[in-house]
Amino acid sequence: MNIPENKQLILFDGICNLCNNAVQYVIKRDKRNRFCFAPLQGSTGQQFIKERGIDTSKIDSIILVDPNVAYYVKSTAALKIGQQFGGGYRLLAVLEWIPSPFRDWIYDLVAKRRYRWFGKKDACMVPTPELKVKFMD
């Protein structure tokens, strides 16, 4: 998996409307151009899942890959992404004091209902030509 240098990869559910809206939210706030994106359903996402032996029945919504450091899932991934926007978003670090099982329990409640509440697409989103450079397959 070739993640561009000085980037972190956000793997997301490419058919989930909530997840796609979250990706758009991140893109608008990624002023330092730190992130690239790939759907879990794509070849990059599938390769990562296979290499790490990740059970997608337990983790099926967001993974943040920080190359040569670690990968983060669920609420921890969301908090680590948000903290990198700078400004007041750095205060999200305080939420990491809440034990991850509790944070992930809340995260999982939303994740399990995301299709029902927000809908889903028939196929992964197709980025605009301007944003295509931020996406991996």
C-alpha atoms as a PDB file:
ATOM      1  CA  MET A   1       0.000   0.000   0.000  1.00  0.00           C
ATOM      2  CA  ASN A   2       1.629   3.243  -1.127  1.00  0.00           C
ATOM      3  CA  ILE A   3       0.331   6.093   0.994  1.00  0.00           C
ATOM      4  CA  PRO A   4       1.705   9.413  -0.261  1.00  0.00           C
ATOM      5  CA  GLU A   5       4.543  10.838   1.823  1.00  0.00           C
ATOM      6  CA  ASN A   6       3.535  12.998   4.803  1.00  0.00           C
ATOM      7  CA  LYS A   7      -0.091  11.866   4.520  1.00  0.00           C
ATOM      8  CA  GLN A   8      -2.433   9.869   6.667  1.00  0.00           C
ATOM      9  CA  LEU A   9      -5.015   7.632   5.044  1.00  0.00           C
ATOM     10  CA  ILE A  10      -8.660   7.658   6.047  1.00  0.00           C
ATOM     11  CA  LEU A  11     -10.461   4.447   5.097  1.00  0.00           C
ATOM     12  CA  PHE A  12     -14.229   4.923   5.097  1.00  0.00           C
ATOM     13  CA  ASP A  13     -17.426   3.145   4.106  1.00  0.00           C
ATOM     14  CA  GLY A  14     -17.782   4.358   0.526  1.00  0.00           C
ATOM     15  CA  ILE A  15     -21.505   3.622   0.208  1.00  0.00           C
ATOM     16  CA  CYS A  16     -22.573   5.248   3.506  1.00  0.00           C
ATOM     17  CA  ASN A  17     -24.068   8.735   3.179  1.00  0.00           C
ATOM     18  CA  LEU A  18     -22.962   9.690   6.713  1.00  0.00           C
ATOM     19  CA  CYS A  19     -19.408   8.543   5.980  1.00  0.00           C
ATOM     20  CA  ASN A  20     -19.303  10.392   2.657  1.00  0.00           C
ATOM     21  CA  ASN A  21     -20.541  13.563   4.361  1.00  0.00           C
ATOM     22  CA  ALA A  22     -17.860  13.106   7.028  1.00  0.00           C
ATOM     23  CA  VAL A  23     -15.204  12.827   4.293  1.00  0.00           C
ATOM     24  CA  GLN A  24     -16.459  16.088   2.756  1.00  0.00           C
ATOM     25  CA  TYR A  25     -16.319  17.689   6.219  1.00  0.00           C
ATOM     26  CA  VAL A  26     -12.704  16.563   6.653  1.00  0.00           C
ATOM     27  CA  ILE A  27     -11.708  17.761   3.171  1.00  0.00           C
ATOM     28  CA  LYS A  28     -13.059  21.268   3.901  1.00  0.00           C
ATOM     29  CA  ARG A  29     -11.094  21.476   7.166  1.00  0.00           C
ATOM     30  CA  ASP A  30      -7.871  19.790   6.004  1.00  0.00           C
ATOM     31  CA  LYS A  31      -6.056  23.090   5.452  1.00  0.00           C
ATOM     32  CA  ARG A  32      -2.627  21.450   5.790  1.00  0.00           C
ATOM     33  CA  ASN A  33      -3.479  18.764   3.217  1.00  0.00           C
ATOM     34  CA  ARG A  34      -2.627  15.933   5.615  1.00  0.00           C
ATOM     35  CA  PHE A  35      -5.214  13.377   4.550  1.00  0.00           C
ATOM     36  CA  CYS A  36      -5.910  11.109   1.636  1.00  0.00           C
ATOM     37  CA  PHE A  37      -8.933   8.857   1.397  1.00  0.00           C
ATOM     38  CA  ALA A  38      -9.953   5.403   0.204  1.00  0.00           C
ATOM     39  CA  PRO A  39     -13.204   3.477   0.504  1.00  0.00           C
ATOM     40  CA  LEU A  40     -13.064   0.286   2.542  1.00  0.00           C
ATOM     41  CA  GLN A  41     -14.655  -1.425  -0.462  1.00  0.00           C
ATOM     42  CA  GLY A  42     -11.803  -0.425  -2.809  1.00  0.00           C
ATOM     43  CA  SER A  43      -8.550  -2.254  -3.457  1.00  0.00           C
ATOM     44  CA  THR A  44      -6.533  -0.119  -0.992  1.00  0.00           C
ATOM     45  CA  GLY A  45      -9.076  -0.662   1.782  1.00  0.00           C
ATOM     46  CA  GLN A  46      -9.360  -4.372   1.087  1.00  0.00           C
ATOM     47  CA  GLN A  47      -5.571  -4.768   1.002  1.00  0.00           C
ATOM     48  CA  PHE A  48      -5.203  -3.005   4.364  1.00  0.00           C
ATOM     49  CA  ILE A  49      -7.973  -5.087   5.953  1.00  0.00           C
ATOM     50  CA  LYS A  50      -6.445  -8.315   4.669  1.00  0.00           C
ATOM     51  CA  GLU A  51      -2.864  -7.419   5.722  1.00  0.00           C
ATOM     52  CA  ARG A  52      -3.969  -6.519   9.270  1.00  0.00           C
ATOM     53  CA  GLY A  53      -6.533  -9.312   9.631  1.00  0.00           C
ATOM     54  CA  ILE A  54      -9.262  -6.820  10.536  1.00  0.00           C
ATOM     55  CA  ASP A  55     -12.713  -8.258  11.169  1.00  0.00           C
ATOM     56  CA  THR A  56     -14.998  -5.916   9.220  1.00  0.00           C
ATOM     57  CA  SER A  57     -18.026  -7.194  11.117  1.00  0.00           C
ATOM     58  CA  LYS A  58     -16.542  -5.371  14.125  1.00  0.00           C
ATOM     59  CA  ILE A  59     -14.863  -2.429  12.364  1.00  0.00           C
ATOM     60  CA  ASP A  60     -16.764  -1.350   9.299  1.00  0.00           C
ATOM     61  CA  SER A  61     -16.879   2.411   9.281  1.00  0.00           C
ATOM     62  CA  ILE A  62     -13.610   4.339   9.731  1.00  0.00           C
ATOM     63  CA  ILE A  63      -9.918   3.593  10.033  1.00  0.00           C
ATOM     64  CA  LEU A  64      -7.153   6.211  10.233  1.00  0.00           C
ATOM     65  CA  VAL A  65      -3.782   4.946   9.020  1.00  0.00           C
ATOM     66  CA  ASP A  66      -0.746   6.907  10.195  1.00  0.00           C
ATOM     67  CA  PRO A  67       2.070   5.217   8.225  1.00  0.00           C
ATOM     68  CA  ASN A  68       4.967   3.855  10.259  1.00  0.00           C
ATOM     69  CA  VAL A  69       3.124   4.780  13.472  1.00  0.00           C
ATOM     70  CA  ALA A  70      -0.223   3.027  13.975  1.00  0.00           C
ATOM     71  CA  TYR A  71      -3.766   2.725  12.778  1.00  0.00           C
ATOM     72  CA  TYR A  72      -6.786   3.890  14.726  1.00  0.00           C
ATOM     73  CA  VAL A  73     -10.402   2.794  14.548  1.00  0.00           C
ATOM     74  CA  LYS A  74     -13.855   4.027  15.483  1.00  0.00           C
ATOM     75  CA  SER A  75     -14.022   6.926  17.961  1.00  0.00           C
ATOM     76  CA  THR A  76     -10.249   7.144  18.387  1.00  0.00           C
ATOM     77  CA  ALA A  77      -9.829   7.573  14.622  1.00  0.00           C
ATOM     78  CA  ALA A  78     -12.486  10.295  14.543  1.00  0.00           C
ATOM     79  CA  LEU A  79     -10.894  12.168  17.453  1.00  0.00           C
ATOM     80  CA  LYS A  80      -7.381  11.947  15.999  1.00  0.00           C
ATOM     81  CA  ILE A  81      -8.647  13.257  12.649  1.00  0.00           C
ATOM     82  CA  GLY A  82     -10.501  16.166  14.238  1.00  0.00           C
ATOM     83  CA  GLN A  83      -7.554  17.217  16.397  1.00  0.00           C
ATOM     84  CA  GLN A  84      -5.477  17.799  13.278  1.00  0.00           C
ATOM     85  CA  PHE A  85      -7.781  20.562  12.033  1.00  0.00           C
ATOM     86  CA  GLY A  86      -6.130  22.874  14.561  1.00  0.00           C
ATOM     87  CA  GLY A  87      -7.757  25.683  16.506  1.00  0.00           C
ATOM     88  CA  GLY A  88     -10.540  24.685  18.868  1.00  0.00           C
ATOM     89  CA  TYR A  89     -10.612  21.200  17.371  1.00  0.00           C
ATOM     90  CA  ARG A  90      -7.488  20.401  19.391  1.00  0.00           C
ATOM     91  CA  LEU A  91      -9.740  20.341  22.458  1.00  0.00           C
ATOM     92  CA  LEU A  92     -11.087  17.020  21.180  1.00  0.00           C
ATOM     93  CA  ALA A  93      -8.032  15.481  22.828  1.00  0.00           C
ATOM     94  CA  VAL A  94      -9.887  15.831  26.146  1.00  0.00           C
ATOM     95  CA  LEU A  95     -12.423  13.259  24.917  1.00  0.00           C
ATOM     96  CA  GLU A  96      -9.633  10.689  24.661  1.00  0.00           C
ATOM     97  CA  TRP A  97      -9.653  10.651  28.478  1.00  0.00           C
ATOM     98  CA  ILE A  98     -13.003   8.868  28.241  1.00  0.00           C
ATOM     99  CA  PRO A  99     -12.262   5.139  28.062  1.00  0.00           C
ATOM    100  CA  SER A 100     -12.416   3.894  24.469  1.00  0.00           C
ATOM    101  CA  PRO A 101     -14.903   1.087  25.230  1.00  0.00           C
ATOM    102  CA  PHE A 102     -17.463   3.716  26.281  1.00  0.00           C
ATOM    103  CA  ARG A 103     -16.647   6.045  23.347  1.00  0.00           C
ATOM    104  CA  ASP A 104     -16.799   3.119  20.929  1.00  0.00           C
ATOM    105  CA  TRP A 105     -20.111   1.931  22.394  1.00  0.00           C
ATOM    106  CA  ILE A 106     -21.645   5.283  21.436  1.00  0.00           C
ATOM    107  CA  TYR A 107     -19.831   5.234  18.096  1.00  0.00           C
ATOM    108  CA  ASP A 108     -21.159   1.728  17.384  1.00  0.00           C
ATOM    109  CA  LEU A 109     -24.739   2.786  18.164  1.00  0.00           C
ATOM    110  CA  VAL A 110     -24.574   5.333  15.355  1.00  0.00           C
ATOM    111  CA  ALA A 111     -22.526   3.081  13.033  1.00  0.00           C
ATOM    112  CA  LYS A 112     -25.032   0.226  13.261  1.00  0.00           C
ATOM    113  CA  ARG A 113     -27.915   2.546  12.344  1.00  0.00           C
ATOM    114  CA  ARG A 114     -26.137   4.770   9.830  1.00  0.00           C
ATOM    115  CA  TYR A 115     -27.750   3.240   6.734  1.00  0.00           C
ATOM    116  CA  ARG A 116     -31.216   3.444   8.269  1.00  0.00           C
ATOM    117  CA  TRP A 117     -30.768   7.014   9.502  1.00  0.00           C
ATOM    118  CA  PHE A 118     -28.694   8.509   6.680  1.00  0.00           C
ATOM    119  CA  GLY A 119     -29.163   6.095   3.762  1.00  0.00           C
ATOM    120  CA  LYS A 120     -26.592   4.569   1.475  1.00  0.00           C
ATOM    121  CA  LYS A 121     -25.492   4.722  -2.127  1.00  0.00           C
ATOM    122  CA  ASP A 122     -25.466   1.895  -4.650  1.00  0.00           C
ATOM    123  CA  ALA A 123     -21.763   2.513  -5.311  1.00  0.00           C
ATOM    124  CA  CYS A 124     -18.837   4.338  -3.754  1.00  0.00           C
ATOM    125  CA  MET A 125     -18.701   8.086  -4.249  1.00  0.00           C
ATOM    126  CA  VAL A 126     -16.794   9.389  -7.231  1.00  0.00           C
ATOM    127  CA  PRO A 127     -14.634  12.392  -6.307  1.00  0.00           C
ATOM    128  CA  THR A 128     -14.687  15.504  -8.448  1.00  0.00           C
ATOM    129  CA  PRO A 129     -11.677  15.986 -10.749  1.00  0.00           C
ATOM    130  CA  GLU A 130     -10.237  18.582  -8.310  1.00  0.00           C
ATOM    131  CA  LEU A 131     -10.454  16.155  -5.386  1.00  0.00           C
ATOM    132  CA  LYS A 132      -9.337  13.029  -7.247  1.00  0.00           C
ATOM    133  CA  VAL A 133      -5.710  13.561  -6.160  1.00  0.00           C
ATOM    134  CA  LYS A 134      -6.805  13.060  -2.525  1.00  0.00           C
ATOM    135  CA  PHE A 135      -8.294   9.609  -3.204  1.00  0.00           C
ATOM    136  CA  MET A 136      -6.830   6.157  -3.583  1.00  0.00           C
ATOM    137  CA  ASP A 137      -8.781   3.216  -4.995  1.00  0.00           C
END
